[in-house]
Amino acid sequence: MGAAVRVEPSTLDAAAVQLERAAAVARTARPRTWAGHDGAYGFASVVDAMQAASDVGAALAEDVVDALETGSDALRATAAAYRASDERARLLLATILELMDGPL
């Protein structure tokens, strides 16, 4: 059996914030703003290659932002689920303790 892993909701929340910050940085990538005219490079073949790189780069940047935001949302949801589970466990244990203190 594997070792137990202790998860703290606050740690998950902190990780979610870090992912949001990374998404904000990734969002600033603007490959579509790269120069794409003949005057910038002098050769139509270079312009075509830069346009292709721009298109791929823009798609990848969008994918990275989406993945980071999805990860952040998942971490926050997991933290909320852990908090809810902890509260349910606390209430159940309190009920058990009350029942144990009753008449035998």
C-alpha atoms as a PDB file:
ATOM      1  CA  MET A   1       0.000   0.000   0.000  1.00  0.00           C
ATOM      2  CA  GLY A   2       1.289   3.472  -0.870  1.00  0.00           C
ATOM      3  CA  ALA A   3       2.196   6.208   1.545  1.00  0.00           C
ATOM      4  CA  ALA A   4      -0.563   8.537   2.675  1.00  0.00           C
ATOM      5  CA  VAL A   5      -0.703  11.984   1.149  1.00  0.00           C
ATOM      6  CA  ARG A   6      -1.926  14.871   3.245  1.00  0.00           C
ATOM      7  CA  VAL A   7      -3.710  17.554   1.277  1.00  0.00           C
ATOM      8  CA  GLU A   8      -4.413  20.952   2.744  1.00  0.00           C
ATOM      9  CA  PRO A   9      -7.139  23.000   1.035  1.00  0.00           C
ATOM     10  CA  SER A  10      -5.083  26.152   1.613  1.00  0.00           C
ATOM     11  CA  THR A  11      -2.218  24.591  -0.358  1.00  0.00           C
ATOM     12  CA  LEU A  12      -4.596  23.818  -3.218  1.00  0.00           C
ATOM     13  CA  ASP A  13      -5.861  27.401  -3.137  1.00  0.00           C
ATOM     14  CA  ALA A  14      -2.282  28.703  -3.224  1.00  0.00           C
ATOM     15  CA  ALA A  15      -1.495  26.472  -6.197  1.00  0.00           C
ATOM     16  CA  ALA A  16      -4.620  27.759  -7.957  1.00  0.00           C
ATOM     17  CA  VAL A  17      -3.407  31.327  -7.479  1.00  0.00           C
ATOM     18  CA  GLN A  18      -0.024  30.399  -8.948  1.00  0.00           C
ATOM     19  CA  LEU A  19      -1.709  28.868 -11.994  1.00  0.00           C
ATOM     20  CA  GLU A  20      -3.800  32.015 -12.423  1.00  0.00           C
ATOM     21  CA  ARG A  21      -0.621  34.109 -12.341  1.00  0.00           C
ATOM     22  CA  ALA A  22       0.991  31.840 -14.918  1.00  0.00           C
ATOM     23  CA  ALA A  23      -2.114  32.172 -17.097  1.00  0.00           C
ATOM     24  CA  ALA A  24      -1.895  35.960 -16.836  1.00  0.00           C
ATOM     25  CA  VAL A  25       1.712  35.845 -18.043  1.00  0.00           C
ATOM     26  CA  ALA A  26       0.894  33.373 -20.824  1.00  0.00           C
ATOM     27  CA  ARG A  27      -2.016  35.559 -21.895  1.00  0.00           C
ATOM     28  CA  THR A  28       0.470  38.326 -22.774  1.00  0.00           C
ATOM     29  CA  ALA A  29       1.974  36.162 -25.529  1.00  0.00           C
ATOM     30  CA  ARG A  30       0.829  37.705 -28.766  1.00  0.00           C
ATOM     31  CA  PRO A  31       2.346  35.720 -31.649  1.00  0.00           C
ATOM     32  CA  ARG A  32      -0.180  37.261 -34.033  1.00  0.00           C
ATOM     33  CA  THR A  33       1.551  40.633 -33.560  1.00  0.00           C
ATOM     34  CA  TRP A  34       4.813  39.382 -35.063  1.00  0.00           C
ATOM     35  CA  ALA A  35       5.802  41.264 -38.177  1.00  0.00           C
ATOM     36  CA  GLY A  36       4.394  39.534 -41.215  1.00  0.00           C
ATOM     37  CA  HIS A  37       5.021  41.747 -44.215  1.00  0.00           C
ATOM     38  CA  ASP A  38       7.656  41.576 -46.947  1.00  0.00           C
ATOM     39  CA  GLY A  39       9.343  44.736 -45.688  1.00  0.00           C
ATOM     40  CA  ALA A  40      10.123  43.109 -42.351  1.00  0.00           C
ATOM     41  CA  TYR A  41      12.031  40.168 -43.794  1.00  0.00           C
ATOM     42  CA  GLY A  42      12.544  40.875 -47.478  1.00  0.00           C
ATOM     43  CA  PHE A  43      11.463  37.442 -48.673  1.00  0.00           C
ATOM     44  CA  ALA A  44       7.951  36.148 -49.236  1.00  0.00           C
ATOM     45  CA  SER A  45       9.021  32.666 -48.101  1.00  0.00           C
ATOM     46  CA  VAL A  46      10.154  34.094 -44.752  1.00  0.00           C
ATOM     47  CA  VAL A  47       6.874  35.984 -44.437  1.00  0.00           C
ATOM     48  CA  ASP A  48       4.952  32.757 -45.071  1.00  0.00           C
ATOM     49  CA  ALA A  49       7.049  30.882 -42.508  1.00  0.00           C
ATOM     50  CA  MET A  50       6.567  33.639 -39.924  1.00  0.00           C
ATOM     51  CA  GLN A  51       2.820  33.626 -40.569  1.00  0.00           C
ATOM     52  CA  ALA A  52       2.712  29.867 -40.003  1.00  0.00           C
ATOM     53  CA  ALA A  53       4.779  30.247 -36.821  1.00  0.00           C
ATOM     54  CA  SER A  54       2.497  33.059 -35.692  1.00  0.00           C
ATOM     55  CA  ASP A  55      -0.614  30.932 -36.227  1.00  0.00           C
ATOM     56  CA  VAL A  56       0.850  27.936 -34.396  1.00  0.00           C
ATOM     57  CA  GLY A  57       2.223  30.121 -31.604  1.00  0.00           C
ATOM     58  CA  ALA A  58      -1.109  31.845 -31.101  1.00  0.00           C
ATOM     59  CA  ALA A  59      -2.950  28.525 -30.923  1.00  0.00           C
ATOM     60  CA  LEU A  60      -0.416  27.138 -28.444  1.00  0.00           C
ATOM     61  CA  ALA A  61      -0.593  30.271 -26.287  1.00  0.00           C
ATOM     62  CA  GLU A  62      -4.382  29.971 -26.157  1.00  0.00           C
ATOM     63  CA  ASP A  63      -4.103  26.285 -25.242  1.00  0.00           C
ATOM     64  CA  VAL A  64      -1.638  27.055 -22.451  1.00  0.00           C
ATOM     65  CA  VAL A  65      -3.902  29.740 -20.994  1.00  0.00           C
ATOM     66  CA  ASP A  66      -6.923  27.427 -21.194  1.00  0.00           C
ATOM     67  CA  ALA A  67      -5.022  24.588 -19.507  1.00  0.00           C
ATOM     68  CA  LEU A  68      -3.751  26.830 -16.713  1.00  0.00           C
ATOM     69  CA  GLU A  69      -7.197  28.279 -16.075  1.00  0.00           C
ATOM     70  CA  THR A  70      -8.779  24.808 -16.116  1.00  0.00           C
ATOM     71  CA  GLY A  71      -6.142  23.574 -13.672  1.00  0.00           C
ATOM     72  CA  SER A  72      -6.759  26.529 -11.395  1.00  0.00           C
ATOM     73  CA  ASP A  73     -10.515  25.907 -11.416  1.00  0.00           C
ATOM     74  CA  ALA A  74      -9.961  22.203 -10.679  1.00  0.00           C
ATOM     75  CA  LEU A  75      -7.668  22.983  -7.735  1.00  0.00           C
ATOM     76  CA  ARG A  76     -10.211  25.395  -6.254  1.00  0.00           C
ATOM     77  CA  ALA A  77     -13.001  22.832  -6.671  1.00  0.00           C
ATOM     78  CA  THR A  78     -10.836  20.167  -5.040  1.00  0.00           C
ATOM     79  CA  ALA A  79     -10.073  22.477  -2.120  1.00  0.00           C
ATOM     80  CA  ALA A  80     -13.794  23.163  -1.677  1.00  0.00           C
ATOM     81  CA  ALA A  81     -14.533  19.421  -1.766  1.00  0.00           C
ATOM     82  CA  TYR A  82     -11.890  18.744   0.892  1.00  0.00           C
ATOM     83  CA  ARG A  83     -13.344  21.475   3.102  1.00  0.00           C
ATOM     84  CA  ALA A  84     -16.853  20.051   2.698  1.00  0.00           C
ATOM     85  CA  SER A  85     -15.610  16.514   3.451  1.00  0.00           C
ATOM     86  CA  ASP A  86     -13.762  17.723   6.535  1.00  0.00           C
ATOM     87  CA  GLU A  87     -16.901  19.463   7.782  1.00  0.00           C
ATOM     88  CA  ARG A  88     -19.056  16.357   7.186  1.00  0.00           C
ATOM     89  CA  ALA A  89     -16.510  14.188   8.997  1.00  0.00           C
ATOM     90  CA  ARG A  90     -16.406  16.655  11.892  1.00  0.00           C
ATOM     91  CA  LEU A  91     -20.211  16.622  12.189  1.00  0.00           C
ATOM     92  CA  LEU A  92     -20.369  12.814  12.016  1.00  0.00           C
ATOM     93  CA  LEU A  93     -17.686  12.421  14.668  1.00  0.00           C
ATOM     94  CA  ALA A  94     -19.480  14.938  16.886  1.00  0.00           C
ATOM     95  CA  THR A  95     -22.697  12.916  16.488  1.00  0.00           C
ATOM     96  CA  ILE A  96     -20.882   9.684  17.361  1.00  0.00           C
ATOM     97  CA  LEU A  97     -19.389  11.304  20.463  1.00  0.00           C
ATOM     98  CA  GLU A  98     -22.834  12.510  21.542  1.00  0.00           C
ATOM     99  CA  LEU A  99     -24.270   9.020  21.087  1.00  0.00           C
ATOM    100  CA  MET A 100     -21.412   7.456  23.039  1.00  0.00           C
ATOM    101  CA  ASP A 101     -22.049   9.786  25.965  1.00  0.00           C
ATOM    102  CA  GLY A 102     -25.685   8.669  26.163  1.00  0.00           C
ATOM    103  CA  PRO A 103     -27.085   5.824  28.296  1.00  0.00           C
ATOM    104  CA  LEU A 104     -25.730   2.343  27.680  1.00  0.00           C
END
